[in-house]
Protein backbone atom coordinates (compact mmCIF):
# COMPACT_ATOMS: atom_id res chain seq x y z
CA MET A 1 0.04 0.18 -0.05
CA GLY A 2 2.67 2.41 -0.16
CA SER A 3 3.12 5.17 1.93
CA ARG A 4 0.46 5.40 5.10
CA THR A 5 -2.57 6.46 4.44
CA PHE A 6 -4.75 8.24 7.20
CA LEU A 7 -8.74 7.91 7.57
CA ILE A 8 -10.70 11.11 9.67
CA GLY A 9 -14.22 9.76 10.05
CA GLY A 10 -15.21 14.40 9.72
CA GLY A 11 -15.65 16.36 12.27
CA TRP A 12 -14.70 20.27 12.62
CA ASP A 13 -13.63 20.01 16.58
CA SER A 14 -10.31 18.36 16.21
CA ALA A 15 -7.43 19.60 14.31
CA GLU A 16 -4.93 17.83 15.57
CA VAL A 17 -6.23 14.75 13.36
CA TYR A 18 -4.49 15.38 10.35
CA GLU A 19 -1.01 16.21 12.29
CA PRO A 20 0.34 12.21 11.92
CA PHE A 21 -0.66 12.66 8.62
CA LEU A 22 1.28 16.52 8.38
CA ARG A 23 4.33 14.40 9.49
CA GLU A 24 4.53 11.88 6.95
CA VAL A 25 4.68 14.39 4.47
CA ARG A 26 8.00 15.51 2.42
CA GLY A 27 9.70 18.14 0.32
CA GLY A 28 8.07 21.57 0.43
CA ARG A 29 4.70 20.37 2.60
CA ARG A 30 2.70 21.26 -0.72
CA ILE A 31 -1.06 19.92 0.78
CA GLY A 32 -3.54 18.99 -2.45
CA CYS A 33 -6.82 19.24 -1.37
CA LEU A 34 -8.57 17.32 -3.79
CA ILE A 35 -12.48 19.16 -3.54
CA LEU A 36 -15.35 18.12 -5.51
CA ASP A 37 -17.21 21.86 -6.19
CA GLU A 38 -20.99 21.94 -5.97
CA GLY A 39 -20.56 25.84 -5.83
CA ASP A 40 -19.11 26.87 -2.92
CA GLY A 41 -15.40 24.67 -3.63
CA ALA A 42 -14.07 28.05 -1.70
CA ALA A 43 -15.17 28.43 1.32
CA GLN A 44 -14.61 24.46 1.68
CA PHE A 45 -11.07 25.28 1.05
CA GLU A 46 -10.43 27.42 3.48
CA ARG A 47 -12.18 25.19 5.90
CA TYR A 48 -9.61 22.50 5.30
CA ALA A 49 -7.17 24.82 5.23
CA ALA A 50 -7.30 26.71 8.23
CA ALA A 51 -7.87 23.33 9.64
CA LEU A 52 -4.35 22.61 8.60
CA ARG A 53 -2.10 25.77 9.23
CA LYS A 54 -3.28 24.92 12.89
CA ALA A 55 -2.69 21.15 12.99
CA GLY A 56 1.09 22.51 10.89
CA PRO A 57 1.53 25.65 10.59
CA ALA A 58 4.94 24.88 7.59
CA CYS A 59 2.45 23.15 5.28
CA VAL A 60 1.04 25.06 1.99
CA PRO A 61 -2.98 23.82 1.81
CA VAL A 62 -3.49 23.98 -2.11
CA PRO A 63 -7.00 23.95 -3.57
CA LEU A 64 -7.57 21.02 -6.71
CA PRO A 65 -10.92 21.58 -7.19
CA VAL A 66 -13.24 19.33 -9.50
CA PRO A 67 -16.41 20.37 -10.50
CA LEU A 68 -19.61 17.79 -10.20
CA GLY A 69 -20.11 15.87 -12.79
CA GLY A 70 -16.07 16.64 -13.59
CA ARG A 71 -12.90 13.60 -13.50
CA PHE A 72 -9.82 13.87 -11.65
CA ALA A 73 -6.57 13.95 -13.68
CA PRO A 74 -4.07 13.36 -11.58
CA GLU A 75 -0.89 13.50 -13.62
CA ALA A 76 -1.54 17.09 -14.21
CA ALA A 77 -3.17 17.88 -10.59
CA LEU A 78 -0.79 16.43 -8.30
CA ASP A 79 2.57 18.22 -10.17
CA GLY A 80 4.77 19.39 -6.82
CA ILE A 81 2.62 18.78 -4.66
CA ASP A 82 3.85 16.65 -1.44
CA GLY A 83 0.58 15.24 0.53
CA LEU A 84 -3.39 14.17 -0.95
CA LEU A 85 -6.39 15.39 1.37
CA VAL A 86 -9.40 14.36 -0.73
CA CYS A 87 -11.72 16.28 0.92
CA GLY A 88 -15.22 15.54 2.57
CA GLY A 89 -19.31 16.13 0.67
CA LEU A 90 -21.34 13.96 -1.71
CA THR A 91 -19.65 11.03 -1.50
CA PRO A 92 -21.22 9.24 -4.57
CA ALA A 93 -19.70 12.27 -6.67
CA TYR A 94 -16.27 11.88 -5.20
CA GLN A 95 -16.19 8.22 -6.85
CA GLU A 96 -17.32 9.34 -9.89
CA ALA A 97 -14.85 11.94 -10.45
CA LEU A 98 -11.96 9.31 -9.73
CA ALA A 99 -13.38 6.80 -11.35
CA GLU A 100 -11.30 6.99 -14.53
CA CYS A 101 -8.10 6.83 -12.47
CA LEU A 102 -9.00 4.30 -9.72
CA GLU A 103 -5.85 2.39 -10.49
CA ARG A 104 -3.61 5.37 -11.63
CA LEU A 105 -3.98 7.48 -8.31
CA PRO A 106 -2.74 4.76 -6.24
CA ALA A 107 -0.01 3.91 -8.62
CA LEU A 108 1.22 7.49 -8.70
CA LEU A 109 0.96 8.42 -4.53
CA ALA A 110 2.95 5.41 -4.45
CA GLY A 111 5.29 5.58 -7.29
CA ARG A 112 6.14 9.23 -5.79
CA GLY A 113 6.09 8.30 -1.89
CA MET A 114 3.28 10.94 -1.13
CA PRO A 115 0.62 10.06 1.49
CA TYR A 116 -2.57 10.03 1.66
CA ALA A 117 -5.81 11.79 3.97
CA GLY A 118 -9.48 11.13 3.15
CA PHE A 119 -11.96 12.85 5.57
CA SER A 120 -15.39 11.49 5.55
CA ALA A 121 -16.19 10.98 1.71
CA GLY A 122 -12.93 10.89 1.12
CA ALA A 123 -12.14 8.31 3.24
CA ALA A 124 -14.80 6.15 1.95
CA VAL A 125 -13.27 5.95 -1.68
CA ALA A 126 -10.05 4.98 -0.01
CA ALA A 127 -11.38 1.63 -0.13
CA ARG A 128 -11.73 -1.27 -2.82
CA ARG A 129 -14.94 -1.98 -2.57
CA ALA A 130 -16.18 1.64 -1.59
CA VAL A 131 -19.34 1.94 0.63
CA VAL A 132 -20.68 5.59 -1.23
CA GLY A 133 -24.33 5.89 0.51
CA GLY A 134 -27.70 4.30 0.49
CA TRP A 135 -29.85 3.70 4.14
CA LEU A 136 -31.98 0.73 2.85
CA VAL A 137 -31.35 -2.98 2.08
CA ASP A 138 -34.01 -4.52 0.12
CA GLY A 139 -36.35 -1.27 0.97
CA VAL A 140 -35.44 -1.82 5.00
CA PRO A 141 -33.58 1.22 6.49
CA VAL A 142 -30.19 0.13 8.12
CA CYS A 143 -29.45 3.89 9.24
CA PRO A 144 -30.69 7.24 9.06
CA GLU A 145 -32.77 8.45 5.76
CA GLU A 146 -30.43 12.00 6.03
CA THR A 147 -27.04 9.98 5.90
CA GLY A 148 -28.15 8.30 2.30
CA GLU A 149 -26.02 10.25 0.42
CA ASP A 150 -28.89 11.02 -2.25
CA LEU A 151 -29.04 6.95 -2.38
CA ALA A 152 -31.58 5.24 -1.27
CA GLU A 153 -30.03 1.13 -1.39
CA VAL A 154 -27.07 0.69 0.30
CA GLU A 155 -24.75 1.00 -2.74
CA VAL A 156 -20.96 -0.11 -2.62
CA ARG A 157 -18.84 0.96 -5.72
CA ALA A 158 -15.49 0.52 -6.86
CA GLY A 159 -13.07 2.60 -4.53
CA LEU A 160 -8.99 3.52 -4.46
CA GLY A 161 -7.69 0.00 -2.70
CA LEU A 162 -5.87 2.02 -0.78
CA VAL A 163 -7.36 0.12 2.11
CA PRO A 164 -7.93 -4.05 1.71
CA PHE A 165 -11.46 -2.61 4.30
CA ALA A 166 -14.16 -0.80 3.53
CA VAL A 167 -14.77 2.04 5.20
CA ASP A 168 -17.86 3.99 6.92
CA VAL A 169 -17.84 7.16 8.49
CA HIS A 170 -19.40 9.85 11.18
CA ALA A 171 -20.29 6.49 13.07
CA ALA A 172 -21.88 7.63 15.89
CA GLN A 173 -22.91 10.94 14.84
CA TRP A 174 -24.62 9.78 11.91
CA GLY A 175 -25.68 6.18 13.06
CA THR A 176 -23.97 4.42 9.95
CA LEU A 177 -22.09 1.16 11.20
CA ALA A 178 -25.49 -0.75 11.01
CA ARG A 179 -24.90 0.09 7.29
CA LEU A 180 -21.85 -1.49 7.44
CA VAL A 181 -22.34 -4.46 9.03
CA ALA A 182 -25.08 -4.94 6.40
CA ALA A 183 -22.66 -4.13 4.11
CA VAL A 184 -20.43 -7.20 5.26
CA GLY A 185 -23.40 -9.29 6.72
CA ARG A 186 -24.47 -9.61 2.48
CA ARG A 187 -20.67 -10.18 1.78
CA GLU A 188 -20.76 -7.36 -0.27
CA VAL A 189 -16.89 -5.83 0.86
CA PRO A 190 -14.62 -8.13 3.35
CA TYR A 191 -15.20 -6.68 6.39
CA GLY A 192 -15.09 -3.22 7.26
CA VAL A 193 -14.54 -0.18 9.36
CA ALA A 194 -16.71 2.90 11.03
CA VAL A 195 -14.64 5.42 12.19
CA ASP A 196 -16.27 8.36 14.48
CA GLU A 197 -15.46 11.82 14.26
CA ASN A 198 -12.77 13.57 15.14
CA THR A 199 -11.24 10.36 14.93
CA LEU A 200 -8.41 8.97 12.56
CA LEU A 201 -7.39 5.65 11.64
CA THR A 202 -3.58 5.21 10.33
CA VAL A 203 -3.17 2.80 8.11
CA GLY A 204 0.29 1.57 6.95
CA ASP A 205 2.60 -1.67 7.67
CA GLY A 206 0.32 -4.35 7.99
CA GLU A 207 -1.27 -2.35 10.40
CA ALA A 208 -3.82 -0.30 11.69
CA LEU A 209 -3.76 2.94 14.96
CA VAL A 210 -6.52 4.69 16.57
CA SER A 211 -5.63 8.56 16.83
CA GLY A 212 -8.52 11.33 18.44
CA ALA A 213 -11.09 11.76 20.62
CA GLY A 214 -13.64 8.34 18.85
CA ARG A 215 -13.65 5.18 18.23
CA VAL A 216 -13.43 2.99 15.47
CA HIS A 217 -15.77 0.08 14.87
CA VAL A 218 -13.82 -3.25 13.01
CA VAL A 219 -17.13 -5.33 11.41
CA ARG A 220 -16.01 -8.86 10.43
CA PRO A 221 -17.81 -11.88 9.11
CA ALA A 222 -19.00 -14.57 11.14
CA ALA A 223 -18.43 -18.20 10.65
CA ASP A 224 -22.44 -18.52 11.14
CA GLY A 225 -23.17 -16.02 8.68
CA GLY A 226 -23.35 -12.45 11.16
CA VAL A 227 -20.76 -10.82 11.80
CA VAL A 228 -18.59 -9.53 14.84
CA VAL A 229 -17.86 -6.30 15.86
CA ARG A 230 -15.01 -4.48 18.08
CA ALA A 231 -14.62 -1.47 18.93
CA TYR A 232 -10.96 0.24 19.64
CA GLY A 233 -10.04 4.03 21.10
CA ALA A 234 -7.46 5.92 20.81
CA GLY A 235 -3.86 4.19 21.18
CA GLU A 236 -5.33 0.95 20.44
CA GLY A 237 -4.75 -1.01 17.15
CA PHE A 238 -5.65 -4.24 15.11
CA GLY A 239 -3.80 -6.43 12.46
CA LEU A 240 -4.34 -5.89 8.50
CA GLU A 241 -5.78 -8.69 6.29
């Protein structure tokens, strides 16, 4: 998986969740912020830039806006960039923006030794099999409708493959753990992690480590056809499969 991958479950209360990512960045510490621009891209960039500067005053945030419906071209966008932050917003639209570079982008990051951080939607699309939204399974609710990301049925799409598990976000705050449980239970993803807000999961060297204010909930398939859920707090970690 090359450089470490940093998965942030959302939230704006803790700039500290960016610090491990920024410590990994080399060179001029120019941080590309990939933002799906739904009309407020400049304002959204300033939010991330402020959090990054608070966590690492020496970093230089650089906006990498992609218009809604557009496609991200990593070779040109990442020229002169030392680390990539894929930001939050409408998760299915982020997956669509990255759909044409799902193999090229990870190869480019690995080749340049460039760390990846994903915030909310950016964390979800880091998975090989990405849970991009939805709130129903066969018409039955599994999480609140307002967390569906403009989708009805829970939907799993191809992701970047930077981590071997599926990722859901805003777990405690939005009740999305149940959506991930459904995806793992239906064997649509191999296993998954649901990350609370203001919480970071650092992935690399065959293991994952939790830091921040909340917890990471790991959902694995059980032999009886069900699932097993275990929650990890700051300072705890688990091995990768």
